[in-house]
Amino acid sequence: MMNVWNYLRNQKGQGMVEYGLILALISIAAITLMPQVGTAINNAFNSVVTAL
């Protein structure tokens, strides 16, 4: 019974580590892309203002 408990506990810990890594990768991607998205949105608004 103890071997089953240890196995399940290790699997839950592994899942949490995987979720943490995925969250870190998404955060890095978002931080990297935000300036580019901000520039594109700023250019779009400037185009609208110029057209008006």
PDB file of N, CA and C in Angstrom:
ATOM      1  N   MET A   1       0.824  -1.204   0.000  1.00  0.00           N
ATOM      2  CA  MET A   1       0.000   0.000   0.000  1.00  0.00           C
ATOM      3  C   MET A   1       0.864   1.263   0.000  1.00  0.00           C
ATOM      4  N   MET A   2       1.987   1.216   0.717  1.00  0.00           N
ATOM      5  CA  MET A   2       2.862   2.386   0.815  1.00  0.00           C
ATOM      6  C   MET A   2       3.496   2.696  -0.539  1.00  0.00           C
ATOM      7  N   ASN A   3       3.797   1.673  -1.341  1.00  0.00           N
ATOM      8  CA  ASN A   3       4.385   1.908  -2.656  1.00  0.00           C
ATOM      9  C   ASN A   3       3.400   2.644  -3.565  1.00  0.00           C
ATOM     10  N   VAL A   4       2.132   2.303  -3.483  1.00  0.00           N
ATOM     11  CA  VAL A   4       1.105   2.970  -4.286  1.00  0.00           C
ATOM     12  C   VAL A   4       1.002   4.426  -3.859  1.00  0.00           C
ATOM     13  N   TRP A   5       1.014   4.681  -2.560  1.00  0.00           N
ATOM     14  CA  TRP A   5       0.910   6.049  -2.050  1.00  0.00           C
ATOM     15  C   TRP A   5       2.107   6.880  -2.517  1.00  0.00           C
ATOM     16  N   ASN A   6       3.305   6.327  -2.436  1.00  0.00           N
ATOM     17  CA  ASN A   6       4.501   7.046  -2.885  1.00  0.00           C
ATOM     18  C   ASN A   6       4.431   7.326  -4.383  1.00  0.00           C
ATOM     19  N   TYR A   7       3.942   6.379  -5.147  1.00  0.00           N
ATOM     20  CA  TYR A   7       3.817   6.566  -6.592  1.00  0.00           C
ATOM     21  C   TYR A   7       2.856   7.700  -6.915  1.00  0.00           C
ATOM     22  N   LEU A   8       1.705   7.727  -6.271  1.00  0.00           N
ATOM     23  CA  LEU A   8       0.729   8.787  -6.525  1.00  0.00           C
ATOM     24  C   LEU A   8       1.257  10.143  -6.088  1.00  0.00           C
ATOM     25  N   ARG A   9       1.949  10.189  -4.962  1.00  0.00           N
ATOM     26  CA  ARG A   9       2.486  11.453  -4.476  1.00  0.00           C
ATOM     27  C   ARG A   9       3.548  11.985  -5.454  1.00  0.00           C
ATOM     28  N   ASN A  10       4.379  11.110  -5.976  1.00  0.00           N
ATOM     29  CA  ASN A  10       5.409  11.529  -6.929  1.00  0.00           C
ATOM     30  C   ASN A  10       4.781  12.012  -8.221  1.00  0.00           C
ATOM     31  N   GLN A  11       3.695  11.397  -8.653  1.00  0.00           N
ATOM     32  CA  GLN A  11       3.036  11.808  -9.888  1.00  0.00           C
ATOM     33  C   GLN A  11       2.422  13.197  -9.739  1.00  0.00           C
ATOM     34  N   LYS A  12       1.840  13.486  -8.591  1.00  0.00           N
ATOM     35  CA  LYS A  12       1.253  14.811  -8.367  1.00  0.00           C
ATOM     36  C   LYS A  12       2.337  15.872  -8.362  1.00  0.00           C
ATOM     37  N   GLY A  13       3.470  15.590  -7.749  1.00  0.00           N
ATOM     38  CA  GLY A  13       4.576  16.535  -7.732  1.00  0.00           C
ATOM     39  C   GLY A  13       5.120  16.784  -9.123  1.00  0.00           C
ATOM     40  N   GLN A  14       5.192  15.733  -9.906  1.00  0.00           N
ATOM     41  CA  GLN A  14       5.674  15.865 -11.278  1.00  0.00           C
ATOM     42  C   GLN A  14       4.717  16.727 -12.088  1.00  0.00           C
ATOM     43  N   GLY A  15       3.426  16.552 -11.891  1.00  0.00           N
ATOM     44  CA  GLY A  15       2.440  17.356 -12.610  1.00  0.00           C
ATOM     45  C   GLY A  15       2.551  18.821 -12.261  1.00  0.00           C
ATOM     46  N   MET A  16       2.785  19.125 -10.989  1.00  0.00           N
ATOM     47  CA  MET A  16       2.919  20.517 -10.568  1.00  0.00           C
ATOM     48  C   MET A  16       4.159  21.152 -11.201  1.00  0.00           C
ATOM     49  N   VAL A  17       5.241  20.392 -11.286  1.00  0.00           N
ATOM     50  CA  VAL A  17       6.457  20.909 -11.920  1.00  0.00           C
ATOM     51  C   VAL A  17       6.193  21.185 -13.390  1.00  0.00           C
ATOM     52  N   GLU A  18       5.472  20.294 -14.049  1.00  0.00           N
ATOM     53  CA  GLU A  18       5.160  20.496 -15.465  1.00  0.00           C
ATOM     54  C   GLU A  18       4.280  21.729 -15.662  1.00  0.00           C
ATOM     55  N   TYR A  19       3.292  21.911 -14.801  1.00  0.00           N
ATOM     56  CA  TYR A  19       2.456  23.106 -14.892  1.00  0.00           C
ATOM     57  C   TYR A  19       3.280  24.364 -14.658  1.00  0.00           C
ATOM     58  N   GLY A  20       4.209  24.309 -13.732  1.00  0.00           N
ATOM     59  CA  GLY A  20       5.075  25.445 -13.467  1.00  0.00           C
ATOM     60  C   GLY A  20       5.949  25.785 -14.667  1.00  0.00           C
ATOM     61  N   LEU A  21       6.482  24.767 -15.335  1.00  0.00           N
ATOM     62  CA  LEU A  21       7.306  25.007 -16.517  1.00  0.00           C
ATOM     63  C   LEU A  21       6.479  25.593 -17.657  1.00  0.00           C
ATOM     64  N   ILE A  22       5.283  25.075 -17.849  1.00  0.00           N
ATOM     65  CA  ILE A  22       4.412  25.608 -18.898  1.00  0.00           C
ATOM     66  C   ILE A  22       4.071  27.067 -18.602  1.00  0.00           C
ATOM     67  N   LEU A  23       3.745  27.363 -17.356  1.00  0.00           N
ATOM     68  CA  LEU A  23       3.436  28.735 -16.968  1.00  0.00           C
ATOM     69  C   LEU A  23       4.631  29.662 -17.192  1.00  0.00           C
ATOM     70  N   ALA A  24       5.829  29.177 -16.878  1.00  0.00           N
ATOM     71  CA  ALA A  24       7.030  29.993 -17.085  1.00  0.00           C
ATOM     72  C   ALA A  24       7.250  30.256 -18.572  1.00  0.00           C
ATOM     73  N   LEU A  25       7.070  29.251 -19.417  1.00  0.00           N
ATOM     74  CA  LEU A  25       7.258  29.439 -20.858  1.00  0.00           C
ATOM     75  C   LEU A  25       6.229  30.405 -21.438  1.00  0.00           C
ATOM     76  N   ILE A  26       4.989  30.297 -21.006  1.00  0.00           N
ATOM     77  CA  ILE A  26       3.952  31.210 -21.484  1.00  0.00           C
ATOM     78  C   ILE A  26       4.265  32.633 -21.024  1.00  0.00           C
ATOM     79  N   SER A  27       4.734  32.779 -19.793  1.00  0.00           N
ATOM     80  CA  SER A  27       5.075  34.108 -19.278  1.00  0.00           C
ATOM     81  C   SER A  27       6.217  34.728 -20.066  1.00  0.00           C
ATOM     82  N   ILE A  28       7.229  33.945 -20.359  1.00  0.00           N
ATOM     83  CA  ILE A  28       8.365  34.452 -21.138  1.00  0.00           C
ATOM     84  C   ILE A  28       7.913  34.859 -22.533  1.00  0.00           C
ATOM     85  N   ALA A  29       7.069  34.037 -23.157  1.00  0.00           N
ATOM     86  CA  ALA A  29       6.571  34.371 -24.495  1.00  0.00           C
ATOM     87  C   ALA A  29       5.742  35.648 -24.464  1.00  0.00           C
ATOM     88  N   ALA A  30       4.895  35.797 -23.457  1.00  0.00           N
ATOM     89  CA  ALA A  30       4.049  36.992 -23.358  1.00  0.00           C
ATOM     90  C   ALA A  30       4.892  38.238 -23.133  1.00  0.00           C
ATOM     91  N   ILE A  31       5.873  38.148 -22.262  1.00  0.00           N
ATOM     92  CA  ILE A  31       6.732  39.301 -21.993  1.00  0.00           C
ATOM     93  C   ILE A  31       7.532  39.672 -23.237  1.00  0.00           C
ATOM     94  N   THR A  32       7.951  38.672 -23.989  1.00  0.00           N
ATOM     95  CA  THR A  32       8.723  38.923 -25.204  1.00  0.00           C
ATOM     96  C   THR A  32       7.868  39.563 -26.291  1.00  0.00           C
ATOM     97  N   LEU A  33       6.620  39.150 -26.410  1.00  0.00           N
ATOM     98  CA  LEU A  33       5.763  39.629 -27.495  1.00  0.00           C
ATOM     99  C   LEU A  33       5.030  40.926 -27.185  1.00  0.00           C
ATOM    100  N   MET A  34       4.908  41.299 -25.925  1.00  0.00           N
ATOM    101  CA  MET A  34       4.142  42.494 -25.564  1.00  0.00           C
ATOM    102  C   MET A  34       4.642  43.773 -26.238  1.00  0.00           C
ATOM    103  N   PRO A  35       5.938  44.041 -26.271  1.00  0.00           N
ATOM    104  CA  PRO A  35       6.374  45.276 -26.946  1.00  0.00           C
ATOM    105  C   PRO A  35       6.006  45.301 -28.431  1.00  0.00           C
ATOM    106  N   GLN A  36       6.089  44.166 -29.095  1.00  0.00           N
ATOM    107  CA  GLN A  36       5.742  44.104 -30.512  1.00  0.00           C
ATOM    108  C   GLN A  36       4.256  44.332 -30.720  1.00  0.00           C
ATOM    109  N   VAL A  37       3.448  43.742 -29.876  1.00  0.00           N
ATOM    110  CA  VAL A  37       1.995  43.928 -29.983  1.00  0.00           C
ATOM    111  C   VAL A  37       1.640  45.374 -29.670  1.00  0.00           C
ATOM    112  N   GLY A  38       2.285  45.953 -28.662  1.00  0.00           N
ATOM    113  CA  GLY A  38       2.025  47.342 -28.309  1.00  0.00           C
ATOM    114  C   GLY A  38       2.374  48.290 -29.445  1.00  0.00           C
ATOM    115  N   THR A  39       3.477  48.023 -30.111  1.00  0.00           N
ATOM    116  CA  THR A  39       3.877  48.853 -31.248  1.00  0.00           C
ATOM    117  C   THR A  39       2.876  48.735 -32.388  1.00  0.00           C
ATOM    118  N   ALA A  40       2.415  47.521 -32.658  1.00  0.00           N
ATOM    119  CA  ALA A  40       1.439  47.316 -33.735  1.00  0.00           C
ATOM    120  C   ALA A  40       0.127  48.026 -33.420  1.00  0.00           C
ATOM    121  N   ILE A  41      -0.329  47.956 -32.178  1.00  0.00           N
ATOM    122  CA  ILE A  41      -1.572  48.630 -31.794  1.00  0.00           C
ATOM    123  C   ILE A  41      -1.395  50.144 -31.875  1.00  0.00           C
ATOM    124  N   ASN A  42      -0.242  50.627 -31.435  1.00  0.00           N
ATOM    125  CA  ASN A  42       0.030  52.059 -31.501  1.00  0.00           C
ATOM    126  C   ASN A  42       0.027  52.534 -32.953  1.00  0.00           C
ATOM    127  N   ASN A  43       0.630  51.785 -33.835  1.00  0.00           N
ATOM    128  CA  ASN A  43       0.631  52.136 -35.265  1.00  0.00           C
ATOM    129  C   ASN A  43      -0.781  52.133 -35.848  1.00  0.00           C
ATOM    130  N   ALA A  44      -1.591  51.175 -35.437  1.00  0.00           N
ATOM    131  CA  ALA A  44      -2.981  51.119 -35.927  1.00  0.00           C
ATOM    132  C   ALA A  44      -3.764  52.341 -35.473  1.00  0.00           C
ATOM    133  N   PHE A  45      -3.624  52.726 -34.199  1.00  0.00           N
ATOM    134  CA  PHE A  45      -4.325  53.907 -33.702  1.00  0.00           C
ATOM    135  C   PHE A  45      -3.827  55.181 -34.397  1.00  0.00           C
ATOM    136  N   ASN A  46      -2.542  55.264 -34.615  1.00  0.00           N
ATOM    137  CA  ASN A  46      -1.993  56.425 -35.314  1.00  0.00           C
ATOM    138  C   ASN A  46      -2.534  56.517 -36.743  1.00  0.00           C
ATOM    139  N   SER A  47      -2.707  55.379 -37.404  1.00  0.00           N
ATOM    140  CA  SER A  47      -3.266  55.369 -38.749  1.00  0.00           C
ATOM    141  C   SER A  47      -4.716  55.875 -38.740  1.00  0.00           C
ATOM    142  N   VAL A  48      -5.470  55.454 -37.731  1.00  0.00           N
ATOM    143  CA  VAL A  48      -6.863  55.888 -37.611  1.00  0.00           C
ATOM    144  C   VAL A  48      -6.918  57.393 -37.353  1.00  0.00           C
ATOM    145  N   VAL A  49      -6.075  57.873 -36.450  1.00  0.00           N
ATOM    146  CA  VAL A  49      -6.071  59.299 -36.129  1.00  0.00           C
ATOM    147  C   VAL A  49      -5.665  60.103 -37.361  1.00  0.00           C
ATOM    148  N   THR A  50      -4.697  59.636 -38.099  1.00  0.00           N
ATOM    149  CA  THR A  50      -4.261  60.345 -39.309  1.00  0.00           C
ATOM    150  C   THR A  50      -5.371  60.373 -40.365  1.00  0.00           C
ATOM    151  N   ALA A  51      -6.081  59.280 -40.486  1.00  0.00           N
ATOM    152  CA  ALA A  51      -7.166  59.205 -41.475  1.00  0.00           C
ATOM    153  C   ALA A  51      -8.322  60.125 -41.106  1.00  0.00           C
ATOM    154  N   LEU A  52      -8.521  60.361 -39.838  1.00  0.00           N
ATOM    155  CA  LEU A  52      -9.606  61.236 -39.424  1.00  0.00           C
ATOM    156  C   LEU A  52      -9.216  62.676 -39.682  1.00  0.00           C
TER     157      LEU A  52
END
